[in-house]
Every structure is written in structure tokens, then in C-alpha cells.
Amino acid sequence: MALEACGSCLSCLLIPLALWSIVVNILLYFPNGKAVHADSYQLPNYVWYFEGICFSGVMILLLAVILVTLECSVFYRCCQSESCNKTYRSFISIVLALLGVAFSGYSCITFTLGLIQGPFCNSSGRWDYIFRDTAGGYLTDYSAWSRCTEPANIVEWNTILLSVLIALSGLQLIICSLKVVAELKRTLCGTYSVFVQ
């Protein structure tokens, strides 16, 4: 019951998460706050996928705004009967929440793969993913971090920002999944049903 009562709360929670995803992903473009590496395209390939800006950012933001609009009582009526209108709104909410699961799931997987791959950095005069073959083992081998000479502190920068992005997209995934469950429960077992018209 609490899940159904707080359906709009879930949708509203997606808005700040999406905005934070956009901000944190933009920070990945500027290691140590400098644009020098972005100008010369010396950034990791996962930064150029735009999943933080596009999928867990703009797309989730659009979905959240539409879901909040659907939950408003002043929503435009598409049918003559109230139960029909609620059914269509619930169906659209389920589809949008499933899209949110897909977008945030894709982002979470891509950020995790980026964290495992490691940063794109200069080591011994050569730009490469020097931690690619460690399967994420470099994350606990702090002495190996000094192998990345440029940009300075890039391992820490990427580790912190990608961890934050994984957490943000993971929360989006959980919220969208809860939204799907709540809407399915409301539609199939609630006060109105898709099957009875």
C-alpha cells in the first residue's frame, strides 16, 4: 500500500538523480578541472558514450517529468470513463518505467565496465588503458596508480566519479523497478483492472 501511495514520490526522486548524473558525467570530461585533455580527445571511450548525460540524465529526466505529469489529477482525459482513463495512464506509466529500467540499466553496466577498464592515461610516454588487463584489480592496488603520470590523479578522479555514477544509475534502476511493480500491482490487483471494462 505504501508503494502505491508514494508513486509520485518515486517519480519525483528520479529528477534530482538525473540532474546529478548529468553534472557528474560532465565532470568526467575535465580531469582535475582542466579542459586540456578534452580538447585533445585524451579521454576514456566510455566518456564519449554520453550515457551519463543522455541515458541516465536527459532520458530519465524526461521520463520522470512525464510520469509526474501522468500522476497529476488534472491530466487530460483520453477516455469518457474514469476507469478507462486510469487504465491508460497506468499502462503508459508501466511502459515509461520499463524504459527507465532499460536506460538506467544500460548506464549502470557501462559505468561498471568503465570502472573495470580503468582510466585512459599517459604511462611511459604512451596513452593507453594500462589497467585494462587487471579486471578491476587496480582498484585495490594503490601503488599501481602512480603508473598513470598524466592527467595527474586521474585514477582517483575516474574511480570516484564512476562510483558515484554507478550509485546514481543503480538508484534509478531500483526506483524504476519499484515503479513498474507498483503500477502492475495497481493495474492487475487494484481498484481498476485492464481486463474489466
C-alpha atoms as a PDB file:
ATOM      1  CA  MET A   1       0.000   0.000   0.000  1.00  0.00           C
ATOM      2  CA  ALA A   2       2.822   2.385   0.842  1.00  0.00           C
ATOM      3  CA  LEU A   3       4.394   1.732  -2.553  1.00  0.00           C
ATOM      4  CA  GLU A   4       1.167   2.682  -4.328  1.00  0.00           C
ATOM      5  CA  ALA A   5       0.621   5.771  -2.175  1.00  0.00           C
ATOM      6  CA  CYS A   6       4.099   7.064  -2.912  1.00  0.00           C
ATOM      7  CA  GLY A   7       4.085   6.503  -6.692  1.00  0.00           C
ATOM      8  CA  SER A   8       4.581  10.190  -7.381  1.00  0.00           C
ATOM      9  CA  CYS A   9       7.338  10.312  -4.751  1.00  0.00           C
ATOM     10  CA  LEU A  10       9.242   7.686  -6.736  1.00  0.00           C
ATOM     11  CA  SER A  11       8.886   9.683  -9.938  1.00  0.00           C
ATOM     12  CA  CYS A  12       9.972  12.893  -8.216  1.00  0.00           C
ATOM     13  CA  LEU A  13      13.094  11.172  -6.859  1.00  0.00           C
ATOM     14  CA  LEU A  14      14.240  10.487 -10.412  1.00  0.00           C
ATOM     15  CA  ILE A  15      14.563  14.198 -11.217  1.00  0.00           C
ATOM     16  CA  PRO A  16      17.488  15.049  -8.876  1.00  0.00           C
ATOM     17  CA  LEU A  17      19.168  11.720  -9.680  1.00  0.00           C
ATOM     18  CA  ALA A  18      19.033  12.543 -13.393  1.00  0.00           C
ATOM     19  CA  LEU A  19      20.378  16.056 -12.840  1.00  0.00           C
ATOM     20  CA  TRP A  20      23.249  14.718 -10.729  1.00  0.00           C
ATOM     21  CA  SER A  21      24.061  12.138 -13.411  1.00  0.00           C
ATOM     22  CA  ILE A  22      24.396  14.917 -15.967  1.00  0.00           C
ATOM     23  CA  VAL A  23      26.633  17.019 -13.694  1.00  0.00           C
ATOM     24  CA  VAL A  24      28.912  14.140 -12.667  1.00  0.00           C
ATOM     25  CA  ASN A  25      29.268  12.909 -16.245  1.00  0.00           C
ATOM     26  CA  ILE A  26      30.240  16.415 -17.376  1.00  0.00           C
ATOM     27  CA  LEU A  27      32.962  16.392 -14.702  1.00  0.00           C
ATOM     28  CA  LEU A  28      34.450  13.283 -16.363  1.00  0.00           C
ATOM     29  CA  TYR A  29      35.266  15.474 -19.379  1.00  0.00           C
ATOM     30  CA  PHE A  30      37.516  17.707 -17.291  1.00  0.00           C
ATOM     31  CA  PRO A  31      40.066  15.667 -15.300  1.00  0.00           C
ATOM     32  CA  ASN A  32      41.286  17.803 -12.388  1.00  0.00           C
ATOM     33  CA  GLY A  33      39.031  20.589 -13.647  1.00  0.00           C
ATOM     34  CA  LYS A  34      41.104  21.195 -16.780  1.00  0.00           C
ATOM     35  CA  ALA A  35      39.807  21.120 -20.356  1.00  0.00           C
ATOM     36  CA  VAL A  36      43.217  20.335 -21.876  1.00  0.00           C
ATOM     37  CA  HIS A  37      42.551  16.591 -22.213  1.00  0.00           C
ATOM     38  CA  ALA A  38      39.038  17.055 -23.585  1.00  0.00           C
ATOM     39  CA  ASP A  39      40.392  19.372 -26.277  1.00  0.00           C
ATOM     40  CA  SER A  40      42.945  16.784 -27.400  1.00  0.00           C
ATOM     41  CA  TYR A  41      40.485  13.825 -27.157  1.00  0.00           C
ATOM     42  CA  GLN A  42      42.570  12.150 -24.443  1.00  0.00           C
ATOM     43  CA  LEU A  43      39.556  10.885 -22.540  1.00  0.00           C
ATOM     44  CA  PRO A  44      38.313   7.325 -21.958  1.00  0.00           C
ATOM     45  CA  ASN A  45      35.980   5.900 -24.581  1.00  0.00           C
ATOM     46  CA  TYR A  46      33.144   5.392 -22.067  1.00  0.00           C
ATOM     47  CA  VAL A  47      33.035   9.159 -21.522  1.00  0.00           C
ATOM     48  CA  TRP A  48      32.167   9.619 -25.200  1.00  0.00           C
ATOM     49  CA  TYR A  49      29.194   7.209 -24.956  1.00  0.00           C
ATOM     50  CA  PHE A  50      27.226  10.010 -23.229  1.00  0.00           C
ATOM     51  CA  GLU A  51      25.309   7.509 -21.070  1.00  0.00           C
ATOM     52  CA  GLY A  52      25.537   9.794 -18.047  1.00  0.00           C
ATOM     53  CA  ILE A  53      24.308  12.793 -19.982  1.00  0.00           C
ATOM     54  CA  CYS A  54      21.902  11.044 -22.330  1.00  0.00           C
ATOM     55  CA  PHE A  55      20.536   7.848 -20.808  1.00  0.00           C
ATOM     56  CA  SER A  56      20.742   8.264 -17.031  1.00  0.00           C
ATOM     57  CA  GLY A  57      20.464  12.030 -17.425  1.00  0.00           C
ATOM     58  CA  VAL A  58      18.233  13.564 -20.086  1.00  0.00           C
ATOM     59  CA  MET A  59      16.161  10.451 -20.867  1.00  0.00           C
ATOM     60  CA  ILE A  60      15.459   9.671 -17.199  1.00  0.00           C
ATOM     61  CA  LEU A  61      14.665  13.348 -16.619  1.00  0.00           C
ATOM     62  CA  LEU A  62      12.125  13.322 -19.464  1.00  0.00           C
ATOM     63  CA  LEU A  63      10.600  10.069 -18.199  1.00  0.00           C
ATOM     64  CA  ALA A  64      10.347  11.462 -14.671  1.00  0.00           C
ATOM     65  CA  VAL A  65       8.640  14.656 -15.835  1.00  0.00           C
ATOM     66  CA  ILE A  66       6.145  12.665 -17.916  1.00  0.00           C
ATOM     67  CA  LEU A  67       5.483  10.263 -15.021  1.00  0.00           C
ATOM     68  CA  VAL A  68       4.898  13.149 -12.606  1.00  0.00           C
ATOM     69  CA  THR A  69       2.556  14.750 -15.154  1.00  0.00           C
ATOM     70  CA  LEU A  70       0.648  11.482 -15.554  1.00  0.00           C
ATOM     71  CA  GLU A  71       0.176  11.252 -11.797  1.00  0.00           C
ATOM     72  CA  CYS A  72      -1.359  14.726 -11.560  1.00  0.00           C
ATOM     73  CA  SER A  73      -5.117  14.671 -11.177  1.00  0.00           C
ATOM     74  CA  VAL A  74      -5.512  17.416 -13.779  1.00  0.00           C
ATOM     75  CA  PHE A  75      -4.184  15.192 -16.569  1.00  0.00           C
ATOM     76  CA  TYR A  76      -6.054  15.360 -19.850  1.00  0.00           C
ATOM     77  CA  ARG A  77      -8.742  12.694 -20.110  1.00  0.00           C
ATOM     78  CA  CYS A  78      -8.285  10.400 -23.082  1.00  0.00           C
ATOM     79  CA  CYS A  79     -11.476   8.396 -22.453  1.00  0.00           C
ATOM     80  CA  GLN A  80     -15.037   9.058 -21.402  1.00  0.00           C
ATOM     81  CA  SER A  81     -14.929   6.815 -18.334  1.00  0.00           C
ATOM     82  CA  GLU A  82     -12.631   7.462 -15.378  1.00  0.00           C
ATOM     83  CA  SER A  83     -11.550   3.813 -15.058  1.00  0.00           C
ATOM     84  CA  CYS A  84     -10.556   3.704 -18.729  1.00  0.00           C
ATOM     85  CA  ASN A  85      -8.537   6.898 -18.307  1.00  0.00           C
ATOM     86  CA  LYS A  86      -6.754   5.480 -15.230  1.00  0.00           C
ATOM     87  CA  THR A  87      -6.015   2.252 -17.088  1.00  0.00           C
ATOM     88  CA  TYR A  88      -4.360   4.054 -19.982  1.00  0.00           C
ATOM     89  CA  ARG A  89      -2.372   6.262 -17.639  1.00  0.00           C
ATOM     90  CA  SER A  90      -1.244   3.210 -15.704  1.00  0.00           C
ATOM     91  CA  PHE A  91      -0.237   1.406 -18.906  1.00  0.00           C
ATOM     92  CA  ILE A  92       1.776   4.424 -20.091  1.00  0.00           C
ATOM     93  CA  SER A  93       3.422   4.652 -16.653  1.00  0.00           C
ATOM     94  CA  ILE A  94       4.439   0.984 -16.850  1.00  0.00           C
ATOM     95  CA  VAL A  95       5.948   1.443 -20.320  1.00  0.00           C
ATOM     96  CA  LEU A  96       7.836   4.576 -19.247  1.00  0.00           C
ATOM     97  CA  ALA A  97       9.114   2.920 -16.069  1.00  0.00           C
ATOM     98  CA  LEU A  98      10.308  -0.073 -18.129  1.00  0.00           C
ATOM     99  CA  LEU A  99      12.152   2.350 -20.407  1.00  0.00           C
ATOM    100  CA  GLY A 100      13.685   3.853 -17.272  1.00  0.00           C
ATOM    101  CA  VAL A 101      14.834   0.387 -16.196  1.00  0.00           C
ATOM    102  CA  ALA A 102      16.447  -0.110 -19.615  1.00  0.00           C
ATOM    103  CA  PHE A 103      18.145   3.316 -19.686  1.00  0.00           C
ATOM    104  CA  SER A 104      19.464   3.177 -16.133  1.00  0.00           C
ATOM    105  CA  GLY A 105      20.470  -0.481 -16.506  1.00  0.00           C
ATOM    106  CA  TYR A 106      22.484   0.323 -19.629  1.00  0.00           C
ATOM    107  CA  SER A 107      24.169   3.221 -17.844  1.00  0.00           C
ATOM    108  CA  CYS A 108      24.963   1.152 -14.766  1.00  0.00           C
ATOM    109  CA  ILE A 109      26.546  -1.597 -16.883  1.00  0.00           C
ATOM    110  CA  THR A 110      28.568   0.871 -18.968  1.00  0.00           C
ATOM    111  CA  PHE A 111      29.843   2.747 -15.905  1.00  0.00           C
ATOM    112  CA  THR A 112      30.823  -0.539 -14.263  1.00  0.00           C
ATOM    113  CA  LEU A 113      32.693  -1.657 -17.372  1.00  0.00           C
ATOM    114  CA  GLY A 114      34.422   1.738 -17.483  1.00  0.00           C
ATOM    115  CA  LEU A 115      35.491   1.370 -13.855  1.00  0.00           C
ATOM    116  CA  ILE A 116      36.818  -2.135 -14.506  1.00  0.00           C
ATOM    117  CA  GLN A 117      38.672  -0.997 -17.646  1.00  0.00           C
ATOM    118  CA  GLY A 118      40.424   1.829 -15.858  1.00  0.00           C
ATOM    119  CA  PRO A 119      41.358   5.324 -16.974  1.00  0.00           C
ATOM    120  CA  PHE A 120      42.903   6.360 -20.272  1.00  0.00           C
ATOM    121  CA  CYS A 121      46.214   7.866 -19.216  1.00  0.00           C
ATOM    122  CA  ASN A 122      49.797   8.576 -20.175  1.00  0.00           C
ATOM    123  CA  SER A 123      52.213   5.950 -18.922  1.00  0.00           C
ATOM    124  CA  SER A 124      55.837   5.989 -20.056  1.00  0.00           C
ATOM    125  CA  GLY A 125      55.068   8.432 -22.852  1.00  0.00           C
ATOM    126  CA  ARG A 126      52.219   6.345 -24.294  1.00  0.00           C
ATOM    127  CA  TRP A 127      48.467   6.949 -23.918  1.00  0.00           C
ATOM    128  CA  ASP A 128      46.606   3.720 -23.225  1.00  0.00           C
ATOM    129  CA  TYR A 129      44.307   1.839 -20.859  1.00  0.00           C
ATOM    130  CA  ILE A 130      47.158   0.456 -18.778  1.00  0.00           C
ATOM    131  CA  PHE A 131      44.859  -1.276 -16.268  1.00  0.00           C
ATOM    132  CA  ARG A 132      42.711  -2.969 -18.921  1.00  0.00           C
ATOM    133  CA  ASP A 133      44.027  -6.479 -18.219  1.00  0.00           C
ATOM    134  CA  THR A 134      43.744  -6.281 -14.430  1.00  0.00           C
ATOM    135  CA  ALA A 135      39.955  -6.947 -14.428  1.00  0.00           C
ATOM    136  CA  GLY A 136      39.472  -4.152 -11.912  1.00  0.00           C
ATOM    137  CA  GLY A 137      42.285  -5.369  -9.654  1.00  0.00           C
ATOM    138  CA  TYR A 138      43.985  -1.994  -9.954  1.00  0.00           C
ATOM    139  CA  LEU A 139      41.271  -0.532  -7.720  1.00  0.00           C
ATOM    140  CA  THR A 140      42.867  -2.115  -4.643  1.00  0.00           C
ATOM    141  CA  ASP A 141      46.489  -1.886  -5.826  1.00  0.00           C
ATOM    142  CA  TYR A 142      47.155   1.729  -4.869  1.00  0.00           C
ATOM    143  CA  SER A 143      50.854   1.511  -5.698  1.00  0.00           C
ATOM    144  CA  ALA A 144      49.989   0.852  -9.367  1.00  0.00           C
ATOM    145  CA  TRP A 145      48.080   4.130  -9.602  1.00  0.00           C
ATOM    146  CA  SER A 146      51.332   6.066  -9.908  1.00  0.00           C
ATOM    147  CA  ARG A 147      51.904   4.443 -13.320  1.00  0.00           C
ATOM    148  CA  CYS A 148      49.435   6.975 -14.721  1.00  0.00           C
ATOM    149  CA  THR A 149      51.518  10.131 -14.987  1.00  0.00           C
ATOM    150  CA  GLU A 150      49.094  12.307 -16.924  1.00  0.00           C
ATOM    151  CA  PRO A 151      46.498  13.613 -16.164  1.00  0.00           C
ATOM    152  CA  ALA A 152      47.503  13.891 -12.524  1.00  0.00           C
ATOM    153  CA  ASN A 153      45.318  11.901 -10.107  1.00  0.00           C
ATOM    154  CA  ILE A 154      43.245  10.500 -12.992  1.00  0.00           C
ATOM    155  CA  VAL A 155      42.744   7.129 -11.290  1.00  0.00           C
ATOM    156  CA  GLU A 156      41.208   8.749  -8.224  1.00  0.00           C
ATOM    157  CA  TRP A 157      39.174  11.142 -10.395  1.00  0.00           C
ATOM    158  CA  ASN A 158      37.685   8.355 -12.522  1.00  0.00           C
ATOM    159  CA  THR A 159      37.189   5.950  -9.622  1.00  0.00           C
ATOM    160  CA  ILE A 160      35.248   8.464  -7.544  1.00  0.00           C
ATOM    161  CA  LEU A 161      33.124   9.849 -10.388  1.00  0.00           C
ATOM    162  CA  LEU A 162      32.346   6.445 -11.929  1.00  0.00           C
ATOM    163  CA  SER A 163      31.438   5.059  -8.496  1.00  0.00           C
ATOM    164  CA  VAL A 164      29.044   7.970  -7.979  1.00  0.00           C
ATOM    165  CA  LEU A 165      27.551   7.379 -11.445  1.00  0.00           C
ATOM    166  CA  ILE A 166      27.131   3.654 -10.700  1.00  0.00           C
ATOM    167  CA  ALA A 167      25.323   4.537  -7.465  1.00  0.00           C
ATOM    168  CA  LEU A 168      23.087   7.116  -9.198  1.00  0.00           C
ATOM    169  CA  SER A 169      22.122   4.812 -12.064  1.00  0.00           C
ATOM    170  CA  GLY A 170      21.655   1.937  -9.600  1.00  0.00           C
ATOM    171  CA  LEU A 171      19.215   4.057  -7.592  1.00  0.00           C
ATOM    172  CA  GLN A 172      17.416   4.998 -10.809  1.00  0.00           C
ATOM    173  CA  LEU A 173      17.183   1.312 -11.692  1.00  0.00           C
ATOM    174  CA  ILE A 174      15.713   0.458  -8.280  1.00  0.00           C
ATOM    175  CA  ILE A 175      13.215   3.337  -8.383  1.00  0.00           C
ATOM    176  CA  CYS A 176      12.050   2.491 -11.920  1.00  0.00           C
ATOM    177  CA  SER A 177      11.708  -1.186 -10.960  1.00  0.00           C
ATOM    178  CA  LEU A 178       9.627  -0.238  -7.917  1.00  0.00           C
ATOM    179  CA  LYS A 179       7.507   1.984 -10.153  1.00  0.00           C
ATOM    180  CA  VAL A 180       6.863  -0.943 -12.536  1.00  0.00           C
ATOM    181  CA  VAL A 181       5.894  -3.212  -9.630  1.00  0.00           C
ATOM    182  CA  ALA A 182       3.610  -0.571  -8.092  1.00  0.00           C
ATOM    183  CA  GLU A 183       1.845   0.165 -11.378  1.00  0.00           C
ATOM    184  CA  LEU A 184       1.451  -3.526 -12.242  1.00  0.00           C
ATOM    185  CA  LYS A 185       0.027  -4.205  -8.790  1.00  0.00           C
ATOM    186  CA  ARG A 186      -2.330  -1.252  -9.081  1.00  0.00           C
ATOM    187  CA  THR A 187      -3.441  -2.265 -12.579  1.00  0.00           C
ATOM    188  CA  LEU A 188      -3.827  -6.004 -12.068  1.00  0.00           C
ATOM    189  CA  CYS A 189      -4.906  -6.162  -8.422  1.00  0.00           C
ATOM    190  CA  GLY A 190      -6.032  -2.651  -7.589  1.00  0.00           C
ATOM    191  CA  THR A 191      -9.172  -0.627  -7.790  1.00  0.00           C
ATOM    192  CA  TYR A 192      -9.237  -0.803 -11.567  1.00  0.00           C
ATOM    193  CA  SER A 193      -8.182  -3.552 -13.883  1.00  0.00           C
ATOM    194  CA  VAL A 194      -7.143  -3.686 -17.507  1.00  0.00           C
ATOM    195  CA  PHE A 195      -9.268  -6.758 -18.042  1.00  0.00           C
ATOM    196  CA  VAL A 196     -12.557  -5.341 -16.768  1.00  0.00           C
ATOM    197  CA  GLN A 197     -14.027  -2.543 -18.847  1.00  0.00           C
END
